[in-house]
PDB file of all heavy atoms in Angstrom:
ATOM      1  N   VAL A   1      91.002  81.534  99.699  1.00  0.00           N
ATOM      2  CA  VAL A   1      90.404  82.050 100.938  1.00  0.00           C
ATOM      3  C   VAL A   1      89.144  82.859 100.387  1.00  0.00           C
ATOM      4  O   VAL A   1      89.268  83.972  99.815  1.00  0.00           O
ATOM      5  CB  VAL A   1      91.309  83.094 101.675  1.00  0.00           C
ATOM      6  CG1 VAL A   1      90.581  83.679 102.895  1.00  0.00           C
ATOM      7  CG2 VAL A   1      92.566  82.416 102.112  1.00  0.00           C
ATOM      8  N   TYR A   2      88.020  82.223 100.667  1.00  0.00           N
ATOM      9  CA  TYR A   2      86.732  82.716 100.094  1.00  0.00           C
ATOM     10  C   TYR A   2      86.190  83.848 100.901  1.00  0.00           C
ATOM     11  O   TYR A   2      86.698  84.053 102.051  1.00  0.00           O
ATOM     12  CB  TYR A   2      85.691  81.607  99.828  1.00  0.00           C
ATOM     13  CG  TYR A   2      86.184  80.634  98.846  1.00  0.00           C
ATOM     14  CD1 TYR A   2      86.492  79.356  99.288  1.00  0.00           C
ATOM     15  CD2 TYR A   2      86.310  80.847  97.506  1.00  0.00           C
ATOM     16  CE1 TYR A   2      86.971  78.379  98.394  1.00  0.00           C
ATOM     17  CE2 TYR A   2      86.791  79.938  96.600  1.00  0.00           C
ATOM     18  CZ  TYR A   2      87.095  78.677  97.048  1.00  0.00           C
ATOM     19  OH  TYR A   2      87.550  77.695  96.112  1.00  0.00           O
ATOM     20  N   ALA A   3      85.162  84.514 100.394  1.00  0.00           N
ATOM     21  CA  ALA A   3      84.858  85.808 100.966  1.00  0.00           C
ATOM     22  C   ALA A   3      84.371  85.714 102.427  1.00  0.00           C
ATOM     23  O   ALA A   3      84.645  86.539 103.258  1.00  0.00           O
ATOM     24  CB  ALA A   3      83.613  86.377 100.183  1.00  0.00           C
ATOM     25  N   ASP A   4      83.615  84.610 102.830  1.00  0.00           N
ATOM     26  CA  ASP A   4      83.148  84.413 104.193  1.00  0.00           C
ATOM     27  C   ASP A   4      84.301  84.257 105.182  1.00  0.00           C
ATOM     28  O   ASP A   4      84.322  84.859 106.241  1.00  0.00           O
ATOM     29  CB  ASP A   4      82.214  83.222 104.269  1.00  0.00           C
ATOM     30  CG  ASP A   4      82.750  81.798 103.775  1.00  0.00           C
ATOM     31  OD1 ASP A   4      83.850  81.965 103.133  1.00  0.00           O
ATOM     32  OD2 ASP A   4      82.128  80.888 103.895  1.00  0.00           O
ATOM     33  N   GLU A   5      85.269  83.346 104.748  1.00  0.00           N
ATOM     34  CA  GLU A   5      86.453  83.249 105.595  1.00  0.00           C
ATOM     35  C   GLU A   5      87.207  84.555 105.796  1.00  0.00           C
ATOM     36  O   GLU A   5      87.715  84.939 106.832  1.00  0.00           O
ATOM     37  CB  GLU A   5      87.395  82.115 105.117  1.00  0.00           C
ATOM     38  CG  GLU A   5      88.596  82.055 106.132  1.00  0.00           C
ATOM     39  CD  GLU A   5      89.577  80.926 105.506  1.00  0.00           C
ATOM     40  OE1 GLU A   5      89.391  80.280 104.489  1.00  0.00           O
ATOM     41  OE2 GLU A   5      90.678  80.805 106.140  1.00  0.00           O
ATOM     42  N   TYR A   6      87.389  85.219 104.628  1.00  0.00           N
ATOM     43  CA  TYR A   6      88.160  86.523 104.570  1.00  0.00           C
ATOM     44  C   TYR A   6      87.455  87.540 105.486  1.00  0.00           C
ATOM     45  O   TYR A   6      88.080  88.192 106.308  1.00  0.00           O
ATOM     46  CB  TYR A   6      88.118  87.102 103.129  1.00  0.00           C
ATOM     47  CG  TYR A   6      88.730  88.432 102.968  1.00  0.00           C
ATOM     48  CD1 TYR A   6      90.149  88.501 102.941  1.00  0.00           C
ATOM     49  CD2 TYR A   6      87.992  89.451 102.849  1.00  0.00           C
ATOM     50  CE1 TYR A   6      90.796  89.757 102.633  1.00  0.00           C
ATOM     51  CE2 TYR A   6      88.581  90.797 102.608  1.00  0.00           C
ATOM     52  CZ  TYR A   6      89.946  90.853 102.579  1.00  0.00           C
ATOM     53  OH  TYR A   6      90.569  92.095 102.370  1.00  0.00           O
ATOM     54  N   GLU A   7      86.114  87.724 105.455  1.00  0.00           N
ATOM     55  CA  GLU A   7      85.461  88.675 106.285  1.00  0.00           C
ATOM     56  C   GLU A   7      85.452  88.297 107.731  1.00  0.00           C
ATOM     57  O   GLU A   7      85.782  89.124 108.623  1.00  0.00           O
ATOM     58  CB  GLU A   7      83.975  88.701 105.807  1.00  0.00           C
ATOM     59  CG  GLU A   7      83.201  89.697 106.651  1.00  0.00           C
ATOM     60  CD  GLU A   7      81.836  90.077 106.060  1.00  0.00           C
ATOM     61  OE1 GLU A   7      81.509  89.509 105.004  1.00  0.00           O
ATOM     62  OE2 GLU A   7      80.941  90.626 106.767  1.00  0.00           O
ATOM     63  N   GLU A   8      85.222  87.045 108.020  1.00  0.00           N
ATOM     64  CA  GLU A   8      85.262  86.534 109.417  1.00  0.00           C
ATOM     65  C   GLU A   8      86.693  86.788 110.046  1.00  0.00           C
ATOM     66  O   GLU A   8      86.817  87.418 111.179  1.00  0.00           O
ATOM     67  CB  GLU A   8      84.912  85.123 109.545  1.00  0.00           C
ATOM     68  CG  GLU A   8      84.842  84.625 110.911  1.00  0.00           C
ATOM     69  CD  GLU A   8      84.510  83.059 110.981  1.00  0.00           C
ATOM     70  OE1 GLU A   8      84.127  82.527 109.944  1.00  0.00           O
ATOM     71  OE2 GLU A   8      84.613  82.533 112.030  1.00  0.00           O
ATOM     72  N   THR A   9      87.719  86.408 109.306  1.00  0.00           N
ATOM     73  CA  THR A   9      89.110  86.541 109.844  1.00  0.00           C
ATOM     74  C   THR A   9      89.465  87.987 109.997  1.00  0.00           C
ATOM     75  O   THR A   9      90.145  88.297 111.085  1.00  0.00           O
ATOM     76  CB  THR A   9      90.051  85.835 108.962  1.00  0.00           C
ATOM     77  OG1 THR A   9      89.654  84.478 108.772  1.00  0.00           O
ATOM     78  CG2 THR A   9      91.415  85.803 109.541  1.00  0.00           C
ATOM     79  N   LEU A  10      89.230  88.816 109.016  1.00  0.00           N
ATOM     80  CA  LEU A  10      89.628  90.139 109.026  1.00  0.00           C
ATOM     81  C   LEU A  10      88.880  90.872 110.270  1.00  0.00           C
ATOM     82  O   LEU A  10      89.563  91.688 110.964  1.00  0.00           O
ATOM     83  CB  LEU A  10      89.363  90.847 107.640  1.00  0.00           C
ATOM     84  CG  LEU A  10      89.750  92.413 107.683  1.00  0.00           C
ATOM     85  CD1 LEU A  10      91.184  92.582 107.793  1.00  0.00           C
ATOM     86  CD2 LEU A  10      89.176  93.025 106.373  1.00  0.00           C
ATOM     87  N   ARG A  11      87.609  90.672 110.315  1.00  0.00           N
ATOM     88  CA  ARG A  11      86.867  91.337 111.440  1.00  0.00           C
ATOM     89  C   ARG A  11      87.455  90.906 112.753  1.00  0.00           C
ATOM     90  O   ARG A  11      87.532  91.719 113.698  1.00  0.00           O
ATOM     91  CB  ARG A  11      85.340  90.985 111.294  1.00  0.00           C
ATOM     92  CG  ARG A  11      84.535  91.508 112.377  1.00  0.00           C
ATOM     93  CD  ARG A  11      83.097  91.246 112.265  1.00  0.00           C
ATOM     94  NE  ARG A  11      82.475  91.867 111.216  1.00  0.00           N
ATOM     95  CZ  ARG A  11      82.031  91.280 110.116  1.00  0.00           C
ATOM     96  NH1 ARG A  11      82.238  90.038 109.948  1.00  0.00           N
ATOM     97  NH2 ARG A  11      81.478  91.912 109.154  1.00  0.00           N
ATOM     98  N   LYS A  12      87.808  89.620 112.996  1.00  0.00           N
ATOM     99  CA  LYS A  12      88.308  89.131 114.219  1.00  0.00           C
ATOM    100  C   LYS A  12      89.566  89.884 114.578  1.00  0.00           C
ATOM    101  O   LYS A  12      89.844  90.358 115.696  1.00  0.00           O
ATOM    102  CB  LYS A  12      88.510  87.616 114.138  1.00  0.00           C
ATOM    103  CG  LYS A  12      88.880  87.026 115.548  1.00  0.00           C
ATOM    104  CD  LYS A  12      88.914  85.468 115.405  1.00  0.00           C
ATOM    105  CE  LYS A  12      89.094  84.878 116.735  1.00  0.00           C
ATOM    106  NZ  LYS A  12      90.412  85.114 117.264  1.00  0.00           N
ATOM    107  N   LEU A  13      90.527  89.873 113.573  1.00  0.00           N
ATOM    108  CA  LEU A  13      91.740  90.579 113.759  1.00  0.00           C
ATOM    109  C   LEU A  13      91.640  92.008 114.238  1.00  0.00           C
ATOM    110  O   LEU A  13      92.302  92.516 115.152  1.00  0.00           O
ATOM    111  CB  LEU A  13      92.766  90.346 112.589  1.00  0.00           C
ATOM    112  CG  LEU A  13      93.115  88.994 112.207  1.00  0.00           C
ATOM    113  CD1 LEU A  13      93.904  88.846 110.864  1.00  0.00           C
ATOM    114  CD2 LEU A  13      93.982  88.294 113.327  1.00  0.00           C
ATOM    115  N   VAL A  14      90.830  92.662 113.402  1.00  0.00           N
ATOM    116  CA  VAL A  14      90.577  94.138 113.707  1.00  0.00           C
ATOM    117  C   VAL A  14      89.951  94.403 115.027  1.00  0.00           C
ATOM    118  O   VAL A  14      90.328  95.225 115.771  1.00  0.00           O
ATOM    119  CB  VAL A  14      89.751  94.851 112.571  1.00  0.00           C
ATOM    120  CG1 VAL A  14      89.398  96.247 112.861  1.00  0.00           C
ATOM    121  CG2 VAL A  14      90.595  94.722 111.314  1.00  0.00           C
ATOM    122  N   THR A  15      88.907  93.576 115.268  1.00  0.00           N
ATOM    123  CA  THR A  15      88.126  93.772 116.616  1.00  0.00           C
ATOM    124  C   THR A  15      88.975  93.601 117.882  1.00  0.00           C
ATOM    125  O   THR A  15      88.892  94.278 118.776  1.00  0.00           O
ATOM    126  CB  THR A  15      86.898  92.909 116.558  1.00  0.00           C
ATOM    127  OG1 THR A  15      86.108  93.055 115.412  1.00  0.00           O
ATOM    128  CG2 THR A  15      86.083  93.072 117.949  1.00  0.00           C
ATOM    129  N   GLU A  16      89.902  92.566 117.706  1.00  0.00           N
ATOM    130  CA  GLU A  16      90.664  92.191 118.825  1.00  0.00           C
ATOM    131  C   GLU A  16      91.903  93.201 119.031  1.00  0.00           C
ATOM    132  O   GLU A  16      92.442  93.391 120.140  1.00  0.00           O
ATOM    133  CB  GLU A  16      91.214  90.751 118.753  1.00  0.00           C
ATOM    134  CG  GLU A  16      90.175  89.729 118.758  1.00  0.00           C
ATOM    135  CD  GLU A  16      90.789  88.303 118.602  1.00  0.00           C
ATOM    136  OE1 GLU A  16      91.864  88.166 118.286  1.00  0.00           O
ATOM    137  OE2 GLU A  16      90.021  87.374 118.826  1.00  0.00           O
ATOM    138  N   THR A  17      92.278  93.790 117.945  1.00  0.00           N
ATOM    139  CA  THR A  17      93.580  94.606 117.901  1.00  0.00           C
ATOM    140  C   THR A  17      93.245  96.071 118.081  1.00  0.00           C
ATOM    141  O   THR A  17      94.058  96.861 118.674  1.00  0.00           O
ATOM    142  CB  THR A  17      94.335  94.346 116.600  1.00  0.00           C
ATOM    143  OG1 THR A  17      94.513  92.961 116.487  1.00  0.00           O
ATOM    144  CG2 THR A  17      95.702  95.074 116.701  1.00  0.00           C
ATOM    145  N   LYS A  18      92.186  96.488 117.473  1.00  0.00           N
ATOM    146  CA  LYS A  18      91.910  97.963 117.645  1.00  0.00           C
ATOM    147  C   LYS A  18      91.979  98.584 118.973  1.00  0.00           C
ATOM    148  O   LYS A  18      92.532  99.706 119.164  1.00  0.00           O
ATOM    149  CB  LYS A  18      90.582  98.343 116.940  1.00  0.00           C
ATOM    150  CG  LYS A  18      90.401  99.834 116.658  1.00  0.00           C
ATOM    151  CD  LYS A  18      89.209 100.109 115.778  1.00  0.00           C
ATOM    152  CE  LYS A  18      89.034 101.580 115.412  1.00  0.00           C
ATOM    153  NZ  LYS A  18      88.780 102.424 116.571  1.00  0.00           N
ATOM    154  N   PRO A  19      91.392  98.011 119.922  1.00  0.00           N
ATOM    155  CA  PRO A  19      91.501  98.606 121.326  1.00  0.00           C
ATOM    156  C   PRO A  19      92.934  98.718 121.854  1.00  0.00           C
ATOM    157  O   PRO A  19      93.199  99.509 122.804  1.00  0.00           O
ATOM    158  CB  PRO A  19      90.675  97.602 122.180  1.00  0.00           C
ATOM    159  CG  PRO A  19      89.792  96.787 121.203  1.00  0.00           C
ATOM    160  CD  PRO A  19      90.597  96.683 120.014  1.00  0.00           C
ATOM    161  N   LEU A  20      93.873  98.092 121.266  1.00  0.00           N
ATOM    162  CA  LEU A  20      95.267  98.044 121.758  1.00  0.00           C
ATOM    163  C   LEU A  20      96.040  99.101 120.951  1.00  0.00           C
ATOM    164  O   LEU A  20      97.222  99.328 121.331  1.00  0.00           O
ATOM    165  CB  LEU A  20      95.998  96.763 121.404  1.00  0.00           C
ATOM    166  CG  LEU A  20      95.236  95.402 121.986  1.00  0.00           C
ATOM    167  CD1 LEU A  20      95.963  94.222 121.593  1.00  0.00           C
ATOM    168  CD2 LEU A  20      95.079  95.549 123.568  1.00  0.00           C
ATOM    169  N   THR A  21      95.504  99.858 119.958  1.00  0.00           N
ATOM    170  CA  THR A  21      96.072 100.825 119.173  1.00  0.00           C
ATOM    171  C   THR A  21      95.528 102.201 119.390  1.00  0.00           C
ATOM    172  O   THR A  21      94.387 102.366 119.930  1.00  0.00           O
ATOM    173  CB  THR A  21      95.999 100.483 117.750  1.00  0.00           C
ATOM    174  OG1 THR A  21      94.773 100.565 117.301  1.00  0.00           O
ATOM    175  CG2 THR A  21      96.616  99.133 117.467  1.00  0.00           C
ATOM    176  N   LYS A  22      96.233 103.240 118.914  1.00  0.00           N
ATOM    177  CA  LYS A  22      95.692 104.657 118.887  1.00  0.00           C
ATOM    178  C   LYS A  22      94.842 104.748 117.594  1.00  0.00           C
ATOM    179  O   LYS A  22      93.936 105.630 117.569  1.00  0.00           O
ATOM    180  CB  LYS A  22      96.812 105.597 118.969  1.00  0.00           C
ATOM    181  CG  LYS A  22      97.654 105.537 120.150  1.00  0.00           C
ATOM    182  CD  LYS A  22      97.020 105.905 121.391  1.00  0.00           C
ATOM    183  CE  LYS A  22      97.958 106.290 122.574  1.00  0.00           C
ATOM    184  NZ  LYS A  22      98.784 104.965 122.921  1.00  0.00           N
ATOM    185  N   GLY A  23      95.148 104.093 116.520  1.00  0.00           N
ATOM    186  CA  GLY A  23      94.425 104.087 115.314  1.00  0.00           C
ATOM    187  C   GLY A  23      94.704 102.953 114.451  1.00  0.00           C
ATOM    188  O   GLY A  23      95.807 102.353 114.499  1.00  0.00           O
ATOM    189  N   LEU A  24      93.763 102.531 113.654  1.00  0.00           N
ATOM    190  CA  LEU A  24      93.913 101.436 112.719  1.00  0.00           C
ATOM    191  C   LEU A  24      93.426 101.798 111.412  1.00  0.00           C
ATOM    192  O   LEU A  24      92.308 102.443 111.304  1.00  0.00           O
ATOM    193  CB  LEU A  24      93.153 100.213 113.249  1.00  0.00           C
ATOM    194  CG  LEU A  24      93.471  98.865 112.714  1.00  0.00           C
ATOM    195  CD1 LEU A  24      93.237  97.738 113.739  1.00  0.00           C
ATOM    196  CD2 LEU A  24      92.565  98.509 111.470  1.00  0.00           C
ATOM    197  N   VAL A  25      94.162 101.472 110.296  1.00  0.00           N
ATOM    198  CA  VAL A  25      93.699 101.813 108.877  1.00  0.00           C
ATOM    199  C   VAL A  25      93.579 100.549 108.162  1.00  0.00           C
ATOM    200  O   VAL A  25      94.364  99.650 108.217  1.00  0.00           O
ATOM    201  CB  VAL A  25      94.888 102.646 108.258  1.00  0.00           C
ATOM    202  CG1 VAL A  25      94.499 103.070 106.793  1.00  0.00           C
ATOM    203  CG2 VAL A  25      95.211 103.946 109.173  1.00  0.00           C
ATOM    204  N   LEU A  26      92.438 100.493 107.401  1.00  0.00           N
ATOM    205  CA  LEU A  26      92.140  99.324 106.613  1.00  0.00           C
ATOM    206  C   LEU A  26      92.199  99.771 105.171  1.00  0.00           C
ATOM    207  O   LEU A  26      91.464 100.766 104.762  1.00  0.00           O
ATOM    208  CB  LEU A  26      90.715  98.723 106.866  1.00  0.00           C
ATOM    209  CG  LEU A  26      90.651  97.984 108.229  1.00  0.00           C
ATOM    210  CD1 LEU A  26      89.264  97.534 108.525  1.00  0.00           C
ATOM    211  CD2 LEU A  26      91.644  96.788 108.217  1.00  0.00           C
ATOM    212  N   MET A  27      93.050  99.129 104.387  1.00  0.00           N
ATOM    213  CA  MET A  27      93.276  99.513 102.962  1.00  0.00           C
ATOM    214  C   MET A  27      92.729  98.388 102.103  1.00  0.00           C
ATOM    215  O   MET A  27      93.036  97.155 102.478  1.00  0.00           O
ATOM    216  CB  MET A  27      94.790  99.754 102.539  1.00  0.00           C
ATOM    217  CG  MET A  27      95.406 100.823 103.447  1.00  0.00           C
ATOM    218  SD  MET A  27      97.217 100.940 103.089  1.00  0.00           S
ATOM    219  CE  MET A  27      97.221 101.645 101.484  1.00  0.00           C
ATOM    220  N   THR A  28      91.946  98.673 101.075  1.00  0.00           N
ATOM    221  CA  THR A  28      91.399  97.613 100.231  1.00  0.00           C
ATOM    222  C   THR A  28      92.446  96.881  99.376  1.00  0.00           C
ATOM    223  O   THR A  28      93.564  97.540  99.030  1.00  0.00           O
ATOM    224  CB  THR A  28      90.370  98.075  99.335  1.00  0.00           C
ATOM    225  OG1 THR A  28      90.982  98.974  98.424  1.00  0.00           O
ATOM    226  CG2 THR A  28      89.322  98.850 100.119  1.00  0.00           C
ATOM    227  N   PRO A  29      92.159  95.629  99.006  1.00  0.00           N
ATOM    228  CA  PRO A  29      93.074  95.090  98.011  1.00  0.00           C
ATOM    229  C   PRO A  29      92.561  95.805  96.632  1.00  0.00           C
ATOM    230  O   PRO A  29      91.572  96.421  96.583  1.00  0.00           O
ATOM    231  CB  PRO A  29      92.698  93.514  97.974  1.00  0.00           C
ATOM    232  CG  PRO A  29      91.275  93.548  98.541  1.00  0.00           C
ATOM    233  CD  PRO A  29      91.148  94.790  99.547  1.00  0.00           C
TER     234      PRO A  29
END
């Protein structure tokens, strides 16, 4: 999973999910 796919997928998951939560934490690998 190269950087472009990683970034696109992570951003999509976070963008779609964050409004459904009270808070979201992103931890680096």
